[in-house]
Every structure is written in structure tokens, then in C-alpha cells.
Amino acid sequence: MTNTNEKCLIPLPDEILEEMADILESNFDYENTVDFDDPDEFVDHYGQKLYDKTIEIFKEKWYRVLGEAIQYGFPSFQECLVEALNAETREDIQKQAAEIHKKIGV
């Protein structure tokens, strides 16, 4: 059974959604590094010591939040898949409706 709040508009067995999510989860890179494009900009203005301490504290908090997100499955790949499938379905329906309206002159 999917653990999504949104119902999938495409009738797919729960096993298929679970399989799709499992593939994404098994290939996801959980490295979660904390990198900055230009740390020297901060260091030049405010110093290396303050930068290092700030980044140390930030990393502790950041990794704690990421760990909880991973532990509790948020965001779940199944939810994202359902949203993506529904978005594609809605786009297809809108395109089909536009074509029908064009044909009947609405």
C-alpha cells in the first residue's frame, strides 16, 4: 500500500509504485555534503575561526534534519512518483481537451 496523501490518477498496482520507489531509493546518493561556492567571501570579511565554527554547527543541525527526513521517509519517493504521474496525466488531459475544443470550435 502506498504511503501517499495524494491518490494516483493512473491506476497502478501498489507493488509497481513500490518497485519504482525502491529503484530510486537504492540509487539515491545520501552523501549530503555541505559545500559552498565561495567560502573565502565570508572568511575574508569575518574570519576563518567564525566561519569554521558556524559551518560546524550548521552541519550538525543539517545532518540531524536530513537523518530524520531519511528515517521517517520524508519526502518519500512514492509520494513524488504519484505527484509526477498525476502532473503528466493532467497535462495529457489538458492537451486532449484543447484538441477536442479545437475540433468542435469551442
PDB file of N, CA and C in Angstrom:
ATOM      1  N   MET A   1       0.853  -1.186   0.000  1.00  0.00           N
ATOM      2  CA  MET A   1       0.000   0.000   0.000  1.00  0.00           C
ATOM      3  C   MET A   1       0.887   1.234   0.000  1.00  0.00           C
ATOM      4  N   THR A   2       0.562   2.212  -0.840  1.00  0.00           N
ATOM      5  CA  THR A   2       1.367   3.425  -0.889  1.00  0.00           C
ATOM      6  C   THR A   2       1.128   4.258   0.349  1.00  0.00           C
ATOM      7  N   ASN A   3       2.151   5.040   0.711  1.00  0.00           N
ATOM      8  CA  ASN A   3       2.022   5.896   1.883  1.00  0.00           C
ATOM      9  C   ASN A   3       1.878   7.353   1.450  1.00  0.00           C
ATOM     10  N   THR A   4       1.115   7.574   0.401  1.00  0.00           N
ATOM     11  CA  THR A   4       0.950   8.922  -0.130  1.00  0.00           C
ATOM     12  C   THR A   4      -0.356   9.530   0.331  1.00  0.00           C
ATOM     13  N   ASN A   5      -0.390  10.845   0.350  1.00  0.00           N
ATOM     14  CA  ASN A   5      -1.615  11.558   0.672  1.00  0.00           C
ATOM     15  C   ASN A   5      -2.461  11.756  -0.578  1.00  0.00           C
ATOM     16  N   GLU A   6      -1.813  11.787  -1.720  1.00  0.00           N
ATOM     17  CA  GLU A   6      -2.490  12.037  -2.983  1.00  0.00           C
ATOM     18  C   GLU A   6      -2.764  10.700  -3.676  1.00  0.00           C
ATOM     19  N   LYS A   7      -3.964  10.562  -4.239  1.00  0.00           N
ATOM     20  CA  LYS A   7      -4.323   9.339  -4.948  1.00  0.00           C
ATOM     21  C   LYS A   7      -3.806   9.436  -6.377  1.00  0.00           C
ATOM     22  N   CYS A   8      -3.219   8.370  -6.853  1.00  0.00           N
ATOM     23  CA  CYS A   8      -2.669   8.339  -8.203  1.00  0.00           C
ATOM     24  C   CYS A   8      -3.807   8.276  -9.216  1.00  0.00           C
ATOM     25  N   LEU A   9      -3.761   9.175 -10.193  1.00  0.00           N
ATOM     26  CA  LEU A   9      -4.803   9.221 -11.214  1.00  0.00           C
ATOM     27  C   LEU A   9      -4.676   8.085 -12.216  1.00  0.00           C
ATOM     28  N   ILE A  10      -3.485   7.528 -12.327  1.00  0.00           N
ATOM     29  CA  ILE A  10      -3.251   6.388 -13.216  1.00  0.00           C
ATOM     30  C   ILE A  10      -3.408   5.127 -12.378  1.00  0.00           C
ATOM     31  N   PRO A  11      -4.282   4.224 -12.794  1.00  0.00           N
ATOM     32  CA  PRO A  11      -4.474   3.015 -11.996  1.00  0.00           C
ATOM     33  C   PRO A  11      -3.256   2.093 -12.085  1.00  0.00           C
ATOM     34  N   LEU A  12      -2.417   2.159 -11.061  1.00  0.00           N
ATOM     35  CA  LEU A  12      -1.229   1.308 -10.978  1.00  0.00           C
ATOM     36  C   LEU A  12      -1.301   0.497  -9.697  1.00  0.00           C
ATOM     37  N   PRO A  13      -0.906  -0.760  -9.769  1.00  0.00           N
ATOM     38  CA  PRO A  13      -0.856  -1.548  -8.539  1.00  0.00           C
ATOM     39  C   PRO A  13       0.160  -0.944  -7.568  1.00  0.00           C
ATOM     40  N   ASP A  14      -0.125  -1.024  -6.289  1.00  0.00           N
ATOM     41  CA  ASP A  14       0.786  -0.508  -5.271  1.00  0.00           C
ATOM     42  C   ASP A  14       2.178  -1.122  -5.406  1.00  0.00           C
ATOM     43  N   GLU A  15       2.237  -2.389  -5.828  1.00  0.00           N
ATOM     44  CA  GLU A  15       3.520  -3.063  -5.963  1.00  0.00           C
ATOM     45  C   GLU A  15       4.405  -2.358  -6.999  1.00  0.00           C
ATOM     46  N   ILE A  16       3.797  -1.835  -8.063  1.00  0.00           N
ATOM     47  CA  ILE A  16       4.558  -1.150  -9.109  1.00  0.00           C
ATOM     48  C   ILE A  16       5.118   0.162  -8.559  1.00  0.00           C
ATOM     49  N   LEU A  17       4.282   0.928  -7.854  1.00  0.00           N
ATOM     50  CA  LEU A  17       4.759   2.172  -7.244  1.00  0.00           C
ATOM     51  C   LEU A  17       5.882   1.883  -6.250  1.00  0.00           C
ATOM     52  N   GLU A  18       5.728   0.820  -5.472  1.00  0.00           N
ATOM     53  CA  GLU A  18       6.757   0.450  -4.510  1.00  0.00           C
ATOM     54  C   GLU A  18       8.052   0.060  -5.223  1.00  0.00           C
ATOM     55  N   GLU A  19       7.933  -0.681  -6.322  1.00  0.00           N
ATOM     56  CA  GLU A  19       9.108  -1.082  -7.100  1.00  0.00           C
ATOM     57  C   GLU A  19       9.811   0.148  -7.667  1.00  0.00           C
ATOM     58  N   MET A  20       9.035   1.088  -8.209  1.00  0.00           N
ATOM     59  CA  MET A  20       9.604   2.313  -8.753  1.00  0.00           C
ATOM     60  C   MET A  20      10.339   3.091  -7.661  1.00  0.00           C
ATOM     61  N   ALA A  21       9.718   3.215  -6.499  1.00  0.00           N
ATOM     62  CA  ALA A  21      10.324   3.932  -5.376  1.00  0.00           C
ATOM     63  C   ALA A  21      11.582   3.218  -4.891  1.00  0.00           C
ATOM     64  N   ASP A  22      11.546   1.888  -4.852  1.00  0.00           N
ATOM     65  CA  ASP A  22      12.717   1.118  -4.416  1.00  0.00           C
ATOM     66  C   ASP A  22      13.910   1.356  -5.337  1.00  0.00           C
ATOM     67  N   ILE A  23      13.646   1.433  -6.639  1.00  0.00           N
ATOM     68  CA  ILE A  23      14.725   1.690  -7.601  1.00  0.00           C
ATOM     69  C   ILE A  23      15.344   3.062  -7.337  1.00  0.00           C
ATOM     70  N   LEU A  24      14.491   4.070  -7.132  1.00  0.00           N
ATOM     71  CA  LEU A  24      15.004   5.413  -6.860  1.00  0.00           C
ATOM     72  C   LEU A  24      15.772   5.448  -5.542  1.00  0.00           C
ATOM     73  N   GLU A  25      15.210   4.843  -4.507  1.00  0.00           N
ATOM     74  CA  GLU A  25      15.865   4.845  -3.196  1.00  0.00           C
ATOM     75  C   GLU A  25      17.214   4.132  -3.231  1.00  0.00           C
ATOM     76  N   SER A  26      17.290   3.020  -3.945  1.00  0.00           N
ATOM     77  CA  SER A  26      18.538   2.258  -3.969  1.00  0.00           C
ATOM     78  C   SER A  26      19.623   2.968  -4.777  1.00  0.00           C
ATOM     79  N   ASN A  27      19.251   3.925  -5.611  1.00  0.00           N
ATOM     80  CA  ASN A  27      20.224   4.653  -6.412  1.00  0.00           C
ATOM     81  C   ASN A  27      20.458   6.078  -5.938  1.00  0.00           C
ATOM     82  N   PHE A  28      19.793   6.474  -4.859  1.00  0.00           N
ATOM     83  CA  PHE A  28      19.924   7.839  -4.357  1.00  0.00           C
ATOM     84  C   PHE A  28      21.251   8.001  -3.622  1.00  0.00           C
ATOM     85  N   ASP A  29      21.927   9.115  -3.851  1.00  0.00           N
ATOM     86  CA  ASP A  29      23.208   9.394  -3.209  1.00  0.00           C
ATOM     87  C   ASP A  29      22.949  10.139  -1.911  1.00  0.00           C
ATOM     88  N   TYR A  30      23.149   9.463  -0.804  1.00  0.00           N
ATOM     89  CA  TYR A  30      22.895  10.049   0.509  1.00  0.00           C
ATOM     90  C   TYR A  30      24.125  10.758   1.079  1.00  0.00           C
ATOM     91  N   GLU A  31      25.052  11.153   0.215  1.00  0.00           N
ATOM     92  CA  GLU A  31      26.281  11.787   0.694  1.00  0.00           C
ATOM     93  C   GLU A  31      25.984  13.075   1.461  1.00  0.00           C
ATOM     94  N   ASN A  32      25.077  13.881   0.961  1.00  0.00           N
ATOM     95  CA  ASN A  32      24.619  15.086   1.662  1.00  0.00           C
ATOM     96  C   ASN A  32      25.766  15.965   2.143  1.00  0.00           C
ATOM     97  N   THR A  33      26.637  16.323   1.238  1.00  0.00           N
ATOM     98  CA  THR A  33      27.762  17.164   1.622  1.00  0.00           C
ATOM     99  C   THR A  33      27.303  18.609   1.792  1.00  0.00           C
ATOM    100  N   VAL A  34      28.061  19.346   2.577  1.00  0.00           N
ATOM    101  CA  VAL A  34      27.810  20.770   2.765  1.00  0.00           C
ATOM    102  C   VAL A  34      28.984  21.493   2.123  1.00  0.00           C
ATOM    103  N   ASP A  35      28.744  22.079   0.973  1.00  0.00           N
ATOM    104  CA  ASP A  35      29.779  22.788   0.237  1.00  0.00           C
ATOM    105  C   ASP A  35      29.292  24.188  -0.094  1.00  0.00           C
ATOM    106  N   PHE A  36      30.235  25.098  -0.220  1.00  0.00           N
ATOM    107  CA  PHE A  36      29.919  26.474  -0.583  1.00  0.00           C
ATOM    108  C   PHE A  36      30.760  26.858  -1.792  1.00  0.00           C
ATOM    109  N   ASP A  37      30.174  27.617  -2.691  1.00  0.00           N
ATOM    110  CA  ASP A  37      30.877  28.027  -3.908  1.00  0.00           C
ATOM    111  C   ASP A  37      32.075  28.912  -3.583  1.00  0.00           C
ATOM    112  N   ASP A  38      31.905  29.847  -2.661  1.00  0.00           N
ATOM    113  CA  ASP A  38      32.974  30.802  -2.365  1.00  0.00           C
ATOM    114  C   ASP A  38      33.063  31.077  -0.865  1.00  0.00           C
ATOM    115  N   PRO A  39      33.634  30.133  -0.097  1.00  0.00           N
ATOM    116  CA  PRO A  39      33.740  30.353   1.345  1.00  0.00           C
ATOM    117  C   PRO A  39      34.665  31.526   1.685  1.00  0.00           C
ATOM    118  N   ASP A  40      35.585  31.818   0.783  1.00  0.00           N
ATOM    119  CA  ASP A  40      36.531  32.915   1.041  1.00  0.00           C
ATOM    120  C   ASP A  40      35.835  34.261   1.177  1.00  0.00           C
ATOM    121  N   GLU A  41      34.703  34.418   0.542  1.00  0.00           N
ATOM    122  CA  GLU A  41      33.975  35.689   0.658  1.00  0.00           C
ATOM    123  C   GLU A  41      33.627  35.962   2.120  1.00  0.00           C
ATOM    124  N   PHE A  42      33.146  34.934   2.825  1.00  0.00           N
ATOM    125  CA  PHE A  42      32.821  35.085   4.246  1.00  0.00           C
ATOM    126  C   PHE A  42      34.104  35.219   5.070  1.00  0.00           C
ATOM    127  N   VAL A  43      35.061  34.324   4.803  1.00  0.00           N
ATOM    128  CA  VAL A  43      36.313  34.302   5.567  1.00  0.00           C
ATOM    129  C   VAL A  43      37.041  35.642   5.458  1.00  0.00           C
ATOM    130  N   ASP A  44      37.096  36.212   4.260  1.00  0.00           N
ATOM    131  CA  ASP A  44      37.784  37.490   4.058  1.00  0.00           C
ATOM    132  C   ASP A  44      37.156  38.611   4.877  1.00  0.00           C
ATOM    133  N   HIS A  45      35.847  38.562   5.052  1.00  0.00           N
ATOM    134  CA  HIS A  45      35.152  39.616   5.786  1.00  0.00           C
ATOM    135  C   HIS A  45      35.097  39.374   7.296  1.00  0.00           C
ATOM    136  N   TYR A  46      34.921  38.103   7.689  1.00  0.00           N
ATOM    137  CA  TYR A  46      34.615  37.832   9.098  1.00  0.00           C
ATOM    138  C   TYR A  46      35.573  36.855   9.780  1.00  0.00           C
ATOM    139  N   GLY A  47      36.474  36.263   9.043  1.00  0.00           N
ATOM    140  CA  GLY A  47      37.497  35.411   9.639  1.00  0.00           C
ATOM    141  C   GLY A  47      37.226  33.922   9.543  1.00  0.00           C
ATOM    142  N   GLN A  48      38.312  33.154   9.516  1.00  0.00           N
ATOM    143  CA  GLN A  48      38.256  31.693   9.374  1.00  0.00           C
ATOM    144  C   GLN A  48      37.641  31.023  10.602  1.00  0.00           C
ATOM    145  N   LYS A  49      37.990  31.520  11.790  1.00  0.00           N
ATOM    146  CA  LYS A  49      37.513  30.894  13.025  1.00  0.00           C
ATOM    147  C   LYS A  49      35.987  30.927  13.113  1.00  0.00           C
ATOM    148  N   LEU A  50      35.395  32.089  12.842  1.00  0.00           N
ATOM    149  CA  LEU A  50      33.935  32.206  12.891  1.00  0.00           C
ATOM    150  C   LEU A  50      33.297  31.351  11.798  1.00  0.00           C
ATOM    151  N   TYR A  51      33.902  31.348  10.620  1.00  0.00           N
ATOM    152  CA  TYR A  51      33.389  30.525   9.516  1.00  0.00           C
ATOM    153  C   TYR A  51      33.382  29.051   9.918  1.00  0.00           C
ATOM    154  N   ASP A  52      34.520  28.562  10.417  1.00  0.00           N
ATOM    155  CA  ASP A  52      34.635  27.144  10.771  1.00  0.00           C
ATOM    156  C   ASP A  52      33.617  26.743  11.840  1.00  0.00           C
ATOM    157  N   LYS A  53      33.466  27.578  12.875  1.00  0.00           N
ATOM    158  CA  LYS A  53      32.533  27.254  13.955  1.00  0.00           C
ATOM    159  C   LYS A  53      31.093  27.280  13.448  1.00  0.00           C
ATOM    160  N   THR A  54      30.779  28.279  12.629  1.00  0.00           N
ATOM    161  CA  THR A  54      29.429  28.384  12.071  1.00  0.00           C
ATOM    162  C   THR A  54      29.097  27.168  11.214  1.00  0.00           C
ATOM    163  N   ILE A  55      30.041  26.764  10.360  1.00  0.00           N
ATOM    164  CA  ILE A  55      29.811  25.611   9.481  1.00  0.00           C
ATOM    165  C   ILE A  55      29.720  24.327  10.305  1.00  0.00           C
ATOM    166  N   GLU A  56      30.516  24.200  11.348  1.00  0.00           N
ATOM    167  CA  GLU A  56      30.441  23.027  12.224  1.00  0.00           C
ATOM    168  C   GLU A  56      29.050  22.896  12.847  1.00  0.00           C
ATOM    169  N   ILE A  57      28.536  23.994  13.379  1.00  0.00           N
ATOM    170  CA  ILE A  57      27.204  23.995  13.990  1.00  0.00           C
ATOM    171  C   ILE A  57      26.133  23.737  12.937  1.00  0.00           C
ATOM    172  N   PHE A  58      26.275  24.386  11.784  1.00  0.00           N
ATOM    173  CA  PHE A  58      25.312  24.189  10.700  1.00  0.00           C
ATOM    174  C   PHE A  58      25.268  22.724  10.275  1.00  0.00           C
ATOM    175  N   LYS A  59      26.439  22.106  10.091  1.00  0.00           N
ATOM    176  CA  LYS A  59      26.489  20.704   9.665  1.00  0.00           C
ATOM    177  C   LYS A  59      25.793  19.790  10.672  1.00  0.00           C
ATOM    178  N   GLU A  60      26.040  20.012  11.957  1.00  0.00           N
ATOM    179  CA  GLU A  60      25.383  19.194  12.977  1.00  0.00           C
ATOM    180  C   GLU A  60      23.869  19.269  12.843  1.00  0.00           C
ATOM    181  N   LYS A  61      23.370  20.478  12.696  1.00  0.00           N
ATOM    182  CA  LYS A  61      21.909  20.660  12.575  1.00  0.00           C
ATOM    183  C   LYS A  61      21.403  20.121  11.240  1.00  0.00           C
ATOM    184  N   TRP A  62      22.132  20.389  10.176  1.00  0.00           N
ATOM    185  CA  TRP A  62      21.727  19.969   8.826  1.00  0.00           C
ATOM    186  C   TRP A  62      21.641  18.446   8.751  1.00  0.00           C
ATOM    187  N   TYR A  63      22.683  17.761   9.233  1.00  0.00           N
ATOM    188  CA  TYR A  63      22.688  16.304   9.164  1.00  0.00           C
ATOM    189  C   TYR A  63      21.635  15.687  10.074  1.00  0.00           C
ATOM    190  N   ARG A  64      21.332  16.328  11.192  1.00  0.00           N
ATOM    191  CA  ARG A  64      20.267  15.843  12.073  1.00  0.00           C
ATOM    192  C   ARG A  64      18.923  15.906  11.350  1.00  0.00           C
ATOM    193  N   VAL A  65      18.659  17.019  10.685  1.00  0.00           N
ATOM    194  CA  VAL A  65      17.404  17.179   9.937  1.00  0.00           C
ATOM    195  C   VAL A  65      17.342  16.179   8.791  1.00  0.00           C
ATOM    196  N   LEU A  66      18.433  16.028   8.060  1.00  0.00           N
ATOM    197  CA  LEU A  66      18.454  15.060   6.951  1.00  0.00           C
ATOM    198  C   LEU A  66      18.272  13.637   7.463  1.00  0.00           C
ATOM    199  N   GLY A  67      18.906  13.326   8.590  1.00  0.00           N
ATOM    200  CA  GLY A  67      18.770  11.993   9.168  1.00  0.00           C
ATOM    201  C   GLY A  67      17.331  11.690   9.541  1.00  0.00           C
ATOM    202  N   GLU A  68      16.663  12.672  10.138  1.00  0.00           N
ATOM    203  CA  GLU A  68      15.252  12.474  10.494  1.00  0.00           C
ATOM    204  C   GLU A  68      14.392  12.332   9.241  1.00  0.00           C
ATOM    205  N   ALA A  69      14.712  13.110   8.219  1.00  0.00           N
ATOM    206  CA  ALA A  69      13.946  13.013   6.974  1.00  0.00           C
ATOM    207  C   ALA A  69      14.093  11.631   6.361  1.00  0.00           C
ATOM    208  N   ILE A  70      15.317  11.120   6.361  1.00  0.00           N
ATOM    209  CA  ILE A  70      15.553   9.786   5.808  1.00  0.00           C
ATOM    210  C   ILE A  70      14.892   8.730   6.692  1.00  0.00           C
ATOM    211  N   GLN A  71      15.039   8.861   7.988  1.00  0.00           N
ATOM    212  CA  GLN A  71      14.482   7.884   8.925  1.00  0.00           C
ATOM    213  C   GLN A  71      12.967   7.788   8.812  1.00  0.00           C
ATOM    214  N   TYR A  72      12.313   8.937   8.697  1.00  0.00           N
ATOM    215  CA  TYR A  72      10.854   8.945   8.666  1.00  0.00           C
ATOM    216  C   TYR A  72      10.293   8.979   7.253  1.00  0.00           C
ATOM    217  N   GLY A  73      11.158   8.872   6.252  1.00  0.00           N
ATOM    218  CA  GLY A  73      10.704   8.729   4.875  1.00  0.00           C
ATOM    219  C   GLY A  73      10.089   9.969   4.268  1.00  0.00           C
ATOM    220  N   PHE A  74      10.630  11.127   4.609  1.00  0.00           N
ATOM    221  CA  PHE A  74      10.096  12.342   4.023  1.00  0.00           C
ATOM    222  C   PHE A  74      11.204  13.065   3.301  1.00  0.00           C
ATOM    223  N   PRO A  75      11.060  13.440   2.070  1.00  0.00           N
ATOM    224  CA  PRO A  75       9.916  13.104   1.224  1.00  0.00           C
ATOM    225  C   PRO A  75      10.054  11.676   0.707  1.00  0.00           C
ATOM    226  N   SER A  76       8.943  11.008   0.564  1.00  0.00           N
ATOM    227  CA  SER A  76       9.010   9.641   0.070  1.00  0.00           C
ATOM    228  C   SER A  76       9.030   9.656  -1.451  1.00  0.00           C
ATOM    229  N   PHE A  77       9.785   8.712  -2.012  1.00  0.00           N
ATOM    230  CA  PHE A  77       9.830   8.616  -3.465  1.00  0.00           C
ATOM    231  C   PHE A  77       8.455   8.246  -4.012  1.00  0.00           C
ATOM    232  N   GLN A  78       7.679   7.464  -3.255  1.00  0.00           N
ATOM    233  CA  GLN A  78       6.341   7.104  -3.720  1.00  0.00           C
ATOM    234  C   GLN A  78       5.468   8.345  -3.864  1.00  0.00           C
ATOM    235  N   GLU A  79       5.516   9.246  -2.894  1.00  0.00           N
ATOM    236  CA  GLU A  79       4.733  10.478  -2.994  1.00  0.00           C
ATOM    237  C   GLU A  79       5.162  11.290  -4.198  1.00  0.00           C
ATOM    238  N   CYS A  80       6.459  11.389  -4.418  1.00  0.00           N
ATOM    239  CA  CYS A  80       6.963  12.147  -5.563  1.00  0.00           C
ATOM    240  C   CYS A  80       6.556  11.506  -6.886  1.00  0.00           C
ATOM    241  N   LEU A  81       6.582  10.172  -6.929  1.00  0.00           N
ATOM    242  CA  LEU A  81       6.152   9.466  -8.140  1.00  0.00           C
ATOM    243  C   LEU A  81       4.681   9.717  -8.436  1.00  0.00           C
ATOM    244  N   VAL A  82       3.832   9.634  -7.415  1.00  0.00           N
ATOM    245  CA  VAL A  82       2.402   9.875  -7.609  1.00  0.00           C
ATOM    246  C   VAL A  82       2.175  11.296  -8.106  1.00  0.00           C
ATOM    247  N   GLU A  83       2.849  12.269  -7.509  1.00  0.00           N
ATOM    248  CA  GLU A  83       2.707  13.651  -7.954  1.00  0.00           C
ATOM    249  C   GLU A  83       3.149  13.809  -9.403  1.00  0.00           C
ATOM    250  N   ALA A  84       4.273  13.172  -9.761  1.00  0.00           N
ATOM    251  CA  ALA A  84       4.781  13.262 -11.133  1.00  0.00           C
ATOM    252  C   ALA A  84       3.828  12.609 -12.129  1.00  0.00           C
ATOM    253  N   LEU A  85       3.348  11.428 -11.778  1.00  0.00           N
ATOM    254  CA  LEU A  85       2.400  10.732 -12.661  1.00  0.00           C
ATOM    255  C   LEU A  85       1.119  11.547 -12.833  1.00  0.00           C
ATOM    256  N   ASN A  86       0.640  12.119 -11.728  1.00  0.00           N
ATOM    257  CA  ASN A  86      -0.575  12.928 -11.802  1.00  0.00           C
ATOM    258  C   ASN A  86      -0.359  14.196 -12.625  1.00  0.00           C
ATOM    259  N   ALA A  87       0.802  14.806 -12.493  1.00  0.00           N
ATOM    260  CA  ALA A  87       1.103  16.012 -13.268  1.00  0.00           C
ATOM    261  C   ALA A  87       1.110  15.686 -14.758  1.00  0.00           C
ATOM    262  N   GLU A  88       1.745  14.566 -15.121  1.00  0.00           N
ATOM    263  CA  GLU A  88       1.766  14.153 -16.521  1.00  0.00           C
ATOM    264  C   GLU A  88       0.357  13.848 -17.010  1.00  0.00           C
ATOM    265  N   THR A  89      -0.419  13.176 -16.182  1.00  0.00           N
ATOM    266  CA  THR A  89      -1.792  12.835 -16.557  1.00  0.00           C
ATOM    267  C   THR A  89      -2.614  14.097 -16.772  1.00  0.00           C
ATOM    268  N   ARG A  90      -2.498  15.064 -15.864  1.00  0.00           N
ATOM    269  CA  ARG A  90      -3.245  16.320 -16.001  1.00  0.00           C
ATOM    270  C   ARG A  90      -2.837  17.068 -17.262  1.00  0.00           C
ATOM    271  N   GLU A  91      -1.529  17.081 -17.548  1.00  0.00           N
ATOM    272  CA  GLU A  91      -1.050  17.743 -18.768  1.00  0.00           C
ATOM    273  C   GLU A  91      -1.616  17.057 -20.007  1.00  0.00           C
ATOM    274  N   ASP A  92      -1.609  15.728 -20.010  1.00  0.00           N
ATOM    275  CA  ASP A  92      -2.164  14.983 -21.144  1.00  0.00           C
ATOM    276  C   ASP A  92      -3.652  15.268 -21.302  1.00  0.00           C
ATOM    277  N   ILE A  93      -4.384  15.297 -20.188  1.00  0.00           N
ATOM    278  CA  ILE A  93      -5.821  15.568 -20.239  1.00  0.00           C
ATOM    279  C   ILE A  93      -6.071  16.971 -20.781  1.00  0.00           C
ATOM    280  N   GLN A  94      -5.274  17.940 -20.335  1.00  0.00           N
ATOM    281  CA  GLN A  94      -5.439  19.317 -20.817  1.00  0.00           C
ATOM    282  C   GLN A  94      -5.145  19.409 -22.315  1.00  0.00           C
ATOM    283  N   LYS A  95      -4.121  18.706 -22.781  1.00  0.00           N
ATOM    284  CA  LYS A  95      -3.799  18.701 -24.211  1.00  0.00           C
ATOM    285  C   LYS A  95      -4.937  18.069 -25.011  1.00  0.00           C
ATOM    286  N   GLN A  96      -5.451  16.943 -24.518  1.00  0.00           N
ATOM    287  CA  GLN A  96      -6.548  16.274 -25.209  1.00  0.00           C
ATOM    288  C   GLN A  96      -7.790  17.153 -25.239  1.00  0.00           C
ATOM    289  N   ALA A  97      -8.084  17.814 -24.136  1.00  0.00           N
ATOM    290  CA  ALA A  97      -9.240  18.707 -24.074  1.00  0.00           C
ATOM    291  C   ALA A  97      -9.071  19.863 -25.048  1.00  0.00           C
ATOM    292  N   ALA A  98      -7.877  20.405 -25.129  1.00  0.00           N
ATOM    293  CA  ALA A  98      -7.617  21.508 -26.053  1.00  0.00           C
ATOM    294  C   ALA A  98      -7.807  21.054 -27.499  1.00  0.00           C
ATOM    295  N   GLU A  99      -7.353  19.845 -27.808  1.00  0.00           N
ATOM    296  CA  GLU A  99      -7.536  19.304 -29.166  1.00  0.00           C
ATOM    297  C   GLU A  99      -9.013  19.106 -29.474  1.00  0.00           C
ATOM    298  N   ILE A 100      -9.764  18.593 -28.531  1.00  0.00           N
ATOM    299  CA  ILE A 100     -11.209  18.373 -28.734  1.00  0.00           C
ATOM    300  C   ILE A 100     -11.895  19.724 -28.915  1.00  0.00           C
ATOM    301  N   HIS A 101     -11.568  20.699 -28.069  1.00  0.00           N
ATOM    302  CA  HIS A 101     -12.171  22.030 -28.182  1.00  0.00           C
ATOM    303  C   HIS A 101     -11.849  22.649 -29.537  1.00  0.00           C
ATOM    304  N   LYS A 102     -10.649  22.429 -30.007  1.00  0.00           N
ATOM    305  CA  LYS A 102     -10.245  22.974 -31.308  1.00  0.00           C
ATOM    306  C   LYS A 102     -11.090  22.328 -32.419  1.00  0.00           C
ATOM    307  N   LYS A 103     -11.303  21.019 -32.322  1.00  0.00           N
ATOM    308  CA  LYS A 103     -12.066  20.294 -33.325  1.00  0.00           C
ATOM    309  C   LYS A 103     -13.523  20.710 -33.358  1.00  0.00           C
ATOM    310  N   ILE A 104     -14.078  20.967 -32.178  1.00  0.00           N
ATOM    311  CA  ILE A 104     -15.508  21.298 -32.148  1.00  0.00           C
ATOM    312  C   ILE A 104     -15.745  22.818 -32.154  1.00  0.00           C
ATOM    313  N   GLY A 105     -14.655  23.570 -32.183  1.00  0.00           N
ATOM    314  CA  GLY A 105     -14.793  25.022 -32.310  1.00  0.00           C
ATOM    315  C   GLY A 105     -15.179  25.733 -31.021  1.00  0.00           C
ATOM    316  N   VAL A 106     -14.754  25.225 -29.909  1.00  0.00           N
ATOM    317  CA  VAL A 106     -15.058  25.882 -28.615  1.00  0.00           C
ATOM    318  C   VAL A 106     -13.898  26.758 -28.198  1.00  0.00           C
TER     319      VAL A 106
END
